[in-house]
Amino acid sequence: MRPNSPSAPSAVFSLPPDQADPVSACPPHRGRPQVLITGDLTTAEEIEPFCPGIRAAVVKTSVSRFAADGMHPAQAREVIRDAAHEAVQDLAHAAPPTIELPATLTVRFRNADLAEMATWINGAVREDALTVCLTDADPIRLYRGFVAVFMLTRAIAE
């Protein structure tokens, strides 16, 4: 997950491979598959190991942490529409994300002050100067913990 914010932490599940979108922690709780993701190639590559077969509509290319080259909106709509159509056509073969629980979400911050502030959130444990981990058997609670850490540190840094 790479939100466009200078204070945004980067998040990874501590499961191979090393990176994934934390939103994927939610659907196993509901038993629903994720069949489509839109964004850049990095996002598509990071979610694939957790959601095998997910369709990706790549509509932008990251230029830096703060910028991307996006397709023209009309072209992006067509790419998304085509990927969504393929995803729906293959819905019978879709399965919920494969994240074993309990799962650990590791968040690496750009500076130690933000990592320390993240520990104000219940369950956030400091691993080193820049890294905080959250572990939970409940994917919704884990996701909510991540959101709380993200919102707190983003608000403080901005």
N, C-alpha and C. Protein backbone atom coordinates (compact mmCIF):
# COMPACT_ATOMS: atom_id res chain seq x y z
N MET A 1 0.85 -1.17 0.00
CA MET A 1 0.00 0.00 0.00
C MET A 1 0.89 1.22 0.00
N ARG A 2 0.66 2.10 -0.94
CA ARG A 2 1.50 3.26 -1.04
C ARG A 2 0.66 4.53 -1.14
N PRO A 3 0.03 4.95 -0.04
CA PRO A 3 -0.75 6.18 -0.09
C PRO A 3 0.16 7.36 -0.42
N ASN A 4 -0.37 8.35 -1.12
CA ASN A 4 0.41 9.52 -1.51
C ASN A 4 0.44 10.54 -0.38
N SER A 5 1.23 10.26 0.63
CA SER A 5 1.39 11.16 1.76
C SER A 5 2.82 11.04 2.25
N PRO A 6 3.47 12.17 2.55
CA PRO A 6 4.85 12.09 3.00
C PRO A 6 5.00 11.35 4.31
N SER A 7 3.93 11.24 5.08
CA SER A 7 4.00 10.55 6.36
C SER A 7 3.49 9.12 6.28
N ALA A 8 3.04 8.72 5.10
CA ALA A 8 2.40 7.41 4.97
C ALA A 8 3.38 6.30 5.26
N PRO A 9 3.02 5.40 6.18
CA PRO A 9 3.87 4.24 6.41
C PRO A 9 3.72 3.26 5.27
N SER A 10 4.72 2.44 5.10
CA SER A 10 4.55 1.36 4.14
C SER A 10 4.17 0.14 4.97
N ALA A 11 3.30 -0.70 4.45
CA ALA A 11 2.80 -1.83 5.22
C ALA A 11 3.04 -3.12 4.47
N VAL A 12 3.42 -4.13 5.21
CA VAL A 12 3.61 -5.45 4.62
C VAL A 12 3.11 -6.51 5.59
N PHE A 13 2.49 -7.55 5.06
CA PHE A 13 2.16 -8.69 5.90
C PHE A 13 3.42 -9.50 6.08
N SER A 14 3.60 -10.05 7.24
CA SER A 14 4.78 -10.87 7.50
C SER A 14 4.55 -12.29 7.01
N LEU A 15 4.16 -12.40 5.79
CA LEU A 15 3.96 -13.67 5.12
C LEU A 15 4.62 -13.55 3.76
N PRO A 16 5.19 -14.63 3.22
CA PRO A 16 5.77 -14.49 1.89
C PRO A 16 4.68 -14.29 0.86
N PRO A 17 4.87 -13.48 -0.15
CA PRO A 17 5.95 -12.53 -0.30
C PRO A 17 5.83 -11.40 0.69
N ASP A 18 6.75 -10.49 0.67
CA ASP A 18 6.87 -9.51 1.74
C ASP A 18 5.88 -8.36 1.71
N GLN A 19 5.14 -8.19 0.63
CA GLN A 19 4.28 -7.03 0.58
C GLN A 19 2.87 -7.39 0.12
N ALA A 20 1.90 -6.68 0.68
CA ALA A 20 0.51 -6.87 0.28
C ALA A 20 -0.32 -5.72 0.76
N ASP A 21 -1.43 -5.53 0.14
CA ASP A 21 -2.38 -4.50 0.52
C ASP A 21 -3.11 -4.97 1.78
N PRO A 22 -3.07 -4.20 2.89
CA PRO A 22 -3.73 -4.65 4.11
C PRO A 22 -5.23 -4.79 3.98
N VAL A 23 -5.83 -4.16 2.98
CA VAL A 23 -7.27 -4.31 2.78
C VAL A 23 -7.62 -5.78 2.54
N SER A 24 -6.67 -6.54 2.01
CA SER A 24 -6.94 -7.94 1.73
C SER A 24 -7.14 -8.75 3.01
N ALA A 25 -6.84 -8.15 4.15
CA ALA A 25 -7.07 -8.85 5.43
C ALA A 25 -8.55 -8.96 5.73
N CYS A 26 -9.37 -8.10 5.17
CA CYS A 26 -10.79 -8.06 5.52
C CYS A 26 -11.64 -9.16 4.88
N PRO A 27 -11.52 -9.43 3.59
CA PRO A 27 -12.41 -10.41 2.98
C PRO A 27 -12.38 -11.82 3.57
N PRO A 28 -11.25 -12.34 4.10
CA PRO A 28 -11.34 -13.70 4.66
C PRO A 28 -12.36 -13.79 5.78
N HIS A 29 -12.48 -12.70 6.53
CA HIS A 29 -13.43 -12.66 7.62
C HIS A 29 -14.85 -12.82 7.09
N ARG A 30 -15.08 -12.32 5.92
CA ARG A 30 -16.40 -12.37 5.30
C ARG A 30 -16.54 -13.55 4.34
N GLY A 31 -15.43 -14.20 4.02
CA GLY A 31 -15.47 -15.33 3.11
C GLY A 31 -15.71 -14.95 1.67
N ARG A 32 -15.39 -13.72 1.32
CA ARG A 32 -15.63 -13.23 -0.04
C ARG A 32 -14.31 -13.09 -0.80
N PRO A 33 -14.29 -13.48 -2.05
CA PRO A 33 -13.07 -13.30 -2.84
C PRO A 33 -12.92 -11.86 -3.31
N GLN A 34 -11.69 -11.48 -3.56
CA GLN A 34 -11.41 -10.22 -4.24
C GLN A 34 -11.09 -10.60 -5.67
N VAL A 35 -11.78 -10.01 -6.62
CA VAL A 35 -11.60 -10.41 -8.01
C VAL A 35 -11.04 -9.31 -8.89
N LEU A 36 -10.99 -8.07 -8.38
CA LEU A 36 -10.51 -6.96 -9.19
C LEU A 36 -9.80 -5.96 -8.31
N ILE A 37 -8.68 -5.46 -8.81
CA ILE A 37 -7.97 -4.36 -8.15
C ILE A 37 -7.54 -3.39 -9.24
N THR A 38 -7.62 -2.11 -8.94
CA THR A 38 -7.20 -1.09 -9.90
C THR A 38 -6.06 -0.29 -9.29
N GLY A 39 -5.21 0.25 -10.14
CA GLY A 39 -4.11 1.05 -9.65
C GLY A 39 -2.88 0.87 -10.52
N ASP A 40 -1.72 0.79 -9.85
CA ASP A 40 -0.48 0.65 -10.59
C ASP A 40 0.01 -0.80 -10.57
N LEU A 41 1.07 -1.06 -11.30
CA LEU A 41 1.61 -2.42 -11.41
C LEU A 41 2.09 -2.94 -10.07
N THR A 42 2.68 -2.08 -9.25
CA THR A 42 3.17 -2.51 -7.93
C THR A 42 2.02 -3.04 -7.09
N THR A 43 0.90 -2.34 -7.09
CA THR A 43 -0.27 -2.78 -6.35
C THR A 43 -0.72 -4.16 -6.83
N ALA A 44 -0.78 -4.33 -8.14
CA ALA A 44 -1.20 -5.61 -8.71
C ALA A 44 -0.25 -6.73 -8.32
N GLU A 45 1.05 -6.47 -8.36
CA GLU A 45 2.03 -7.50 -8.02
C GLU A 45 1.99 -7.86 -6.53
N GLU A 46 1.74 -6.86 -5.68
CA GLU A 46 1.73 -7.10 -4.24
C GLU A 46 0.52 -7.88 -3.77
N ILE A 47 -0.62 -7.74 -4.43
CA ILE A 47 -1.83 -8.43 -3.98
C ILE A 47 -1.93 -9.85 -4.53
N GLU A 48 -1.33 -10.11 -5.67
CA GLU A 48 -1.47 -11.41 -6.35
C GLU A 48 -1.19 -12.62 -5.46
N PRO A 49 -0.11 -12.64 -4.67
CA PRO A 49 0.14 -13.83 -3.84
C PRO A 49 -0.96 -14.11 -2.81
N PHE A 50 -1.66 -13.08 -2.40
CA PHE A 50 -2.71 -13.25 -1.40
C PHE A 50 -4.08 -13.49 -2.02
N CYS A 51 -4.24 -13.07 -3.25
CA CYS A 51 -5.50 -13.22 -3.97
C CYS A 51 -5.21 -13.81 -5.35
N PRO A 52 -4.80 -15.08 -5.39
CA PRO A 52 -4.46 -15.68 -6.69
C PRO A 52 -5.59 -15.55 -7.69
N GLY A 53 -5.22 -15.15 -8.91
CA GLY A 53 -6.21 -15.02 -9.96
C GLY A 53 -6.91 -13.68 -10.01
N ILE A 54 -6.62 -12.79 -9.07
CA ILE A 54 -7.26 -11.47 -9.08
C ILE A 54 -6.92 -10.76 -10.39
N ARG A 55 -7.89 -10.08 -10.95
CA ARG A 55 -7.67 -9.30 -12.17
C ARG A 55 -7.18 -7.92 -11.77
N ALA A 56 -6.19 -7.44 -12.49
CA ALA A 56 -5.65 -6.11 -12.21
C ALA A 56 -5.89 -5.20 -13.41
N ALA A 57 -6.43 -4.05 -13.12
CA ALA A 57 -6.59 -3.01 -14.13
C ALA A 57 -5.52 -1.96 -13.84
N VAL A 58 -4.40 -2.07 -14.53
CA VAL A 58 -3.28 -1.15 -14.31
C VAL A 58 -3.54 0.10 -15.14
N VAL A 59 -3.82 1.20 -14.44
CA VAL A 59 -4.22 2.43 -15.11
C VAL A 59 -3.26 3.59 -14.86
N LYS A 60 -2.18 3.31 -14.14
CA LYS A 60 -1.19 4.36 -13.91
C LYS A 60 0.17 3.72 -13.66
N THR A 61 1.20 4.54 -13.83
CA THR A 61 2.57 4.12 -13.59
C THR A 61 3.18 5.05 -12.55
N SER A 62 3.70 4.49 -11.49
CA SER A 62 4.33 5.32 -10.46
C SER A 62 5.58 5.98 -11.01
N VAL A 63 5.67 7.27 -10.78
CA VAL A 63 6.85 8.04 -11.17
C VAL A 63 7.73 8.24 -9.95
N SER A 64 7.10 8.48 -8.82
CA SER A 64 7.79 8.64 -7.54
C SER A 64 6.79 8.28 -6.46
N ARG A 65 7.19 8.45 -5.23
CA ARG A 65 6.29 8.16 -4.12
C ARG A 65 5.09 9.12 -4.11
N PHE A 66 5.26 10.26 -4.75
CA PHE A 66 4.23 11.29 -4.70
C PHE A 66 3.55 11.57 -6.03
N ALA A 67 3.93 10.85 -7.08
CA ALA A 67 3.37 11.16 -8.39
C ALA A 67 3.23 9.90 -9.24
N ALA A 68 2.30 9.97 -10.18
CA ALA A 68 2.08 8.87 -11.11
C ALA A 68 1.66 9.43 -12.46
N ASP A 69 2.00 8.70 -13.50
CA ASP A 69 1.50 9.00 -14.84
C ASP A 69 0.26 8.16 -15.03
N GLY A 70 -0.88 8.82 -15.15
CA GLY A 70 -2.14 8.11 -15.31
C GLY A 70 -2.61 8.11 -16.75
N MET A 71 -3.37 7.10 -17.08
CA MET A 71 -3.99 7.04 -18.40
C MET A 71 -5.04 8.14 -18.51
N HIS A 72 -5.38 8.46 -19.72
CA HIS A 72 -6.51 9.36 -19.94
C HIS A 72 -7.73 8.69 -19.32
N PRO A 73 -8.61 9.45 -18.67
CA PRO A 73 -9.78 8.85 -18.01
C PRO A 73 -10.60 7.92 -18.90
N ALA A 74 -10.77 8.27 -20.16
CA ALA A 74 -11.55 7.41 -21.06
C ALA A 74 -10.85 6.06 -21.26
N GLN A 75 -9.54 6.10 -21.43
CA GLN A 75 -8.79 4.86 -21.61
C GLN A 75 -8.79 4.05 -20.31
N ALA A 76 -8.63 4.72 -19.17
CA ALA A 76 -8.64 4.02 -17.88
C ALA A 76 -9.99 3.34 -17.64
N ARG A 77 -11.07 4.02 -17.96
CA ARG A 77 -12.41 3.41 -17.81
C ARG A 77 -12.52 2.14 -18.64
N GLU A 78 -11.97 2.17 -19.86
CA GLU A 78 -12.02 0.99 -20.73
C GLU A 78 -11.21 -0.16 -20.14
N VAL A 79 -10.03 0.14 -19.63
CA VAL A 79 -9.18 -0.89 -19.02
C VAL A 79 -9.88 -1.49 -17.81
N ILE A 80 -10.47 -0.65 -16.97
CA ILE A 80 -11.17 -1.13 -15.78
C ILE A 80 -12.41 -1.94 -16.17
N ARG A 81 -13.16 -1.44 -17.14
CA ARG A 81 -14.36 -2.16 -17.59
C ARG A 81 -13.99 -3.55 -18.12
N ASP A 82 -12.93 -3.63 -18.94
CA ASP A 82 -12.52 -4.92 -19.49
C ASP A 82 -12.06 -5.88 -18.39
N ALA A 83 -11.27 -5.38 -17.44
CA ALA A 83 -10.79 -6.23 -16.34
C ALA A 83 -11.95 -6.68 -15.46
N ALA A 84 -12.91 -5.78 -15.23
CA ALA A 84 -14.08 -6.14 -14.42
C ALA A 84 -14.92 -7.20 -15.12
N HIS A 85 -15.07 -7.07 -16.42
CA HIS A 85 -15.81 -8.06 -17.19
C HIS A 85 -15.14 -9.44 -17.08
N GLU A 86 -13.83 -9.48 -17.25
CA GLU A 86 -13.09 -10.74 -17.12
C GLU A 86 -13.22 -11.32 -15.72
N ALA A 87 -13.16 -10.45 -14.70
CA ALA A 87 -13.26 -10.90 -13.32
C ALA A 87 -14.63 -11.54 -13.05
N VAL A 88 -15.67 -10.91 -13.54
CA VAL A 88 -17.03 -11.43 -13.34
C VAL A 88 -17.21 -12.74 -14.11
N GLN A 89 -16.66 -12.82 -15.30
CA GLN A 89 -16.76 -14.05 -16.10
C GLN A 89 -16.11 -15.23 -15.39
N ASP A 90 -15.06 -14.96 -14.60
CA ASP A 90 -14.31 -16.02 -13.93
C ASP A 90 -14.69 -16.15 -12.45
N LEU A 91 -15.80 -15.54 -12.07
CA LEU A 91 -16.22 -15.51 -10.67
C LEU A 91 -16.37 -16.90 -10.05
N ALA A 92 -16.79 -17.87 -10.83
CA ALA A 92 -16.99 -19.23 -10.30
C ALA A 92 -15.69 -19.85 -9.79
N HIS A 93 -14.55 -19.38 -10.27
CA HIS A 93 -13.26 -19.92 -9.85
C HIS A 93 -12.58 -19.08 -8.78
N ALA A 94 -13.21 -18.00 -8.36
CA ALA A 94 -12.61 -17.09 -7.39
C ALA A 94 -12.67 -17.68 -5.98
N ALA A 95 -11.64 -17.39 -5.20
CA ALA A 95 -11.56 -17.86 -3.82
C ALA A 95 -11.16 -16.70 -2.91
N PRO A 96 -11.53 -16.76 -1.63
CA PRO A 96 -11.13 -15.70 -0.71
C PRO A 96 -9.60 -15.61 -0.62
N PRO A 97 -9.08 -14.46 -0.21
CA PRO A 97 -7.63 -14.31 -0.05
C PRO A 97 -7.04 -15.37 0.87
N THR A 98 -5.80 -15.72 0.59
CA THR A 98 -5.13 -16.76 1.36
C THR A 98 -4.16 -16.15 2.36
N ILE A 99 -4.70 -15.67 3.46
CA ILE A 99 -3.89 -15.12 4.54
C ILE A 99 -4.18 -15.95 5.77
N GLU A 100 -3.13 -16.63 6.26
CA GLU A 100 -3.31 -17.45 7.46
C GLU A 100 -3.38 -16.55 8.68
N LEU A 101 -4.27 -16.90 9.57
CA LEU A 101 -4.45 -16.13 10.80
C LEU A 101 -3.98 -16.94 12.00
N PRO A 102 -3.39 -16.32 13.00
CA PRO A 102 -3.20 -14.88 13.10
C PRO A 102 -2.18 -14.38 12.09
N ALA A 103 -2.37 -13.14 11.68
CA ALA A 103 -1.46 -12.49 10.72
C ALA A 103 -0.77 -11.33 11.41
N THR A 104 0.41 -11.03 10.94
CA THR A 104 1.17 -9.89 11.45
C THR A 104 1.30 -8.86 10.34
N LEU A 105 0.95 -7.65 10.65
CA LEU A 105 1.10 -6.54 9.73
C LEU A 105 2.27 -5.71 10.22
N THR A 106 3.29 -5.58 9.39
CA THR A 106 4.49 -4.83 9.73
C THR A 106 4.46 -3.49 9.01
N VAL A 107 4.64 -2.42 9.77
CA VAL A 107 4.59 -1.07 9.23
C VAL A 107 5.95 -0.43 9.45
N ARG A 108 6.58 0.01 8.36
CA ARG A 108 7.88 0.69 8.45
C ARG A 108 7.67 2.17 8.16
N PHE A 109 8.08 3.01 9.11
CA PHE A 109 7.90 4.45 9.01
C PHE A 109 9.15 5.13 8.47
N ARG A 110 8.99 6.38 8.05
CA ARG A 110 10.12 7.13 7.52
C ARG A 110 11.00 7.72 8.61
N ASN A 111 10.47 7.82 9.84
CA ASN A 111 11.31 8.29 10.94
C ASN A 111 10.86 7.66 12.25
N ALA A 112 11.76 7.67 13.22
CA ALA A 112 11.53 7.00 14.50
C ALA A 112 10.41 7.66 15.31
N ASP A 113 10.24 8.97 15.17
CA ASP A 113 9.17 9.64 15.92
C ASP A 113 7.79 9.10 15.55
N LEU A 114 7.56 8.88 14.26
CA LEU A 114 6.27 8.33 13.83
C LEU A 114 6.09 6.90 14.32
N ALA A 115 7.16 6.12 14.30
CA ALA A 115 7.06 4.75 14.81
C ALA A 115 6.70 4.75 16.29
N GLU A 116 7.30 5.65 17.04
CA GLU A 116 7.00 5.75 18.47
C GLU A 116 5.55 6.15 18.69
N MET A 117 5.06 7.11 17.91
CA MET A 117 3.67 7.55 18.04
C MET A 117 2.70 6.43 17.69
N ALA A 118 3.09 5.59 16.76
CA ALA A 118 2.22 4.47 16.36
C ALA A 118 1.97 3.52 17.53
N THR A 119 2.92 3.44 18.46
CA THR A 119 2.74 2.53 19.60
C THR A 119 1.67 3.03 20.56
N TRP A 120 1.16 4.22 20.34
CA TRP A 120 0.04 4.71 21.15
C TRP A 120 -1.22 3.91 20.86
N ILE A 121 -1.25 3.23 19.72
CA ILE A 121 -2.41 2.42 19.35
C ILE A 121 -2.29 1.06 20.02
N ASN A 122 -3.36 0.63 20.67
CA ASN A 122 -3.37 -0.66 21.36
C ASN A 122 -2.97 -1.79 20.41
N GLY A 123 -2.00 -2.58 20.79
CA GLY A 123 -1.57 -3.73 20.01
C GLY A 123 -0.39 -3.45 19.10
N ALA A 124 -0.04 -2.19 18.90
CA ALA A 124 1.12 -1.85 18.05
C ALA A 124 2.39 -2.02 18.88
N VAL A 125 3.30 -2.85 18.40
CA VAL A 125 4.53 -3.17 19.12
C VAL A 125 5.72 -2.72 18.30
N ARG A 126 6.63 -2.02 18.93
CA ARG A 126 7.84 -1.53 18.27
C ARG A 126 8.80 -2.68 18.05
N GLU A 127 9.25 -2.87 16.82
CA GLU A 127 10.22 -3.92 16.48
C GLU A 127 11.63 -3.37 16.41
N ASP A 128 11.79 -2.15 15.88
CA ASP A 128 13.07 -1.47 15.83
C ASP A 128 12.79 0.02 15.70
N ALA A 129 13.80 0.81 15.39
CA ALA A 129 13.64 2.26 15.38
C ALA A 129 12.53 2.74 14.44
N LEU A 130 12.34 2.06 13.31
CA LEU A 130 11.37 2.52 12.31
C LEU A 130 10.19 1.58 12.10
N THR A 131 10.16 0.46 12.77
CA THR A 131 9.18 -0.59 12.47
C THR A 131 8.26 -0.89 13.64
N VAL A 132 6.97 -1.01 13.33
CA VAL A 132 5.94 -1.38 14.30
C VAL A 132 5.16 -2.56 13.72
N CYS A 133 4.80 -3.52 14.58
CA CYS A 133 4.02 -4.68 14.14
C CYS A 133 2.70 -4.75 14.88
N LEU A 134 1.69 -5.19 14.17
CA LEU A 134 0.39 -5.49 14.75
C LEU A 134 0.08 -6.94 14.40
N THR A 135 -0.33 -7.74 15.37
CA THR A 135 -0.67 -9.14 15.13
C THR A 135 -2.05 -9.40 15.71
N ASP A 136 -2.86 -10.12 14.94
CA ASP A 136 -4.21 -10.42 15.43
C ASP A 136 -4.78 -11.60 14.66
N ALA A 137 -5.62 -12.36 15.31
CA ALA A 137 -6.32 -13.48 14.66
C ALA A 137 -7.61 -13.01 14.00
N ASP A 138 -8.04 -11.80 14.33
CA ASP A 138 -9.25 -11.23 13.75
C ASP A 138 -8.84 -10.25 12.66
N PRO A 139 -9.09 -10.56 11.39
CA PRO A 139 -8.63 -9.69 10.31
C PRO A 139 -9.25 -8.29 10.34
N ILE A 140 -10.48 -8.18 10.81
CA ILE A 140 -11.10 -6.86 10.88
C ILE A 140 -10.41 -6.01 11.94
N ARG A 141 -10.14 -6.59 13.09
CA ARG A 141 -9.45 -5.86 14.16
C ARG A 141 -8.03 -5.47 13.71
N LEU A 142 -7.36 -6.37 12.99
CA LEU A 142 -6.03 -6.08 12.47
C LEU A 142 -6.08 -4.91 11.50
N TYR A 143 -7.04 -4.93 10.60
CA TYR A 143 -7.19 -3.84 9.63
C TYR A 143 -7.51 -2.53 10.34
N ARG A 144 -8.41 -2.57 11.32
CA ARG A 144 -8.75 -1.36 12.06
C ARG A 144 -7.54 -0.81 12.80
N GLY A 145 -6.71 -1.70 13.35
CA GLY A 145 -5.48 -1.26 14.01
C GLY A 145 -4.56 -0.56 13.04
N PHE A 146 -4.42 -1.13 11.82
CA PHE A 146 -3.60 -0.49 10.80
C PHE A 146 -4.14 0.88 10.45
N VAL A 147 -5.45 0.98 10.24
CA VAL A 147 -6.05 2.27 9.89
C VAL A 147 -5.82 3.28 11.00
N ALA A 148 -5.97 2.87 12.26
CA ALA A 148 -5.75 3.77 13.39
C ALA A 148 -4.29 4.26 13.41
N VAL A 149 -3.34 3.35 13.19
CA VAL A 149 -1.93 3.73 13.15
C VAL A 149 -1.69 4.71 12.01
N PHE A 150 -2.22 4.39 10.84
CA PHE A 150 -2.03 5.24 9.67
C PHE A 150 -2.62 6.63 9.90
N MET A 151 -3.86 6.70 10.38
CA MET A 151 -4.52 7.98 10.55
C MET A 151 -3.83 8.82 11.63
N LEU A 152 -3.42 8.21 12.73
CA LEU A 152 -2.73 8.93 13.79
C LEU A 152 -1.42 9.52 13.30
N THR A 153 -0.59 8.69 12.68
CA THR A 153 0.72 9.18 12.26
C THR A 153 0.61 10.17 11.11
N ARG A 154 -0.34 9.98 10.24
CA ARG A 154 -0.54 10.93 9.14
C ARG A 154 -0.99 12.28 9.67
N ALA A 155 -1.93 12.27 10.61
CA ALA A 155 -2.44 13.52 11.18
C ALA A 155 -1.34 14.27 11.92
N ILE A 156 -0.51 13.55 12.65
CA ILE A 156 0.56 14.20 13.41
C ILE A 156 1.61 14.78 12.48
N ALA A 157 1.96 14.05 11.44
CA ALA A 157 3.01 14.49 10.52
C ALA A 157 2.57 15.66 9.65
N GLU A 158 1.29 15.74 9.35
CA GLU A 158 0.82 16.82 8.48
C GLU A 158 0.47 18.01 9.32
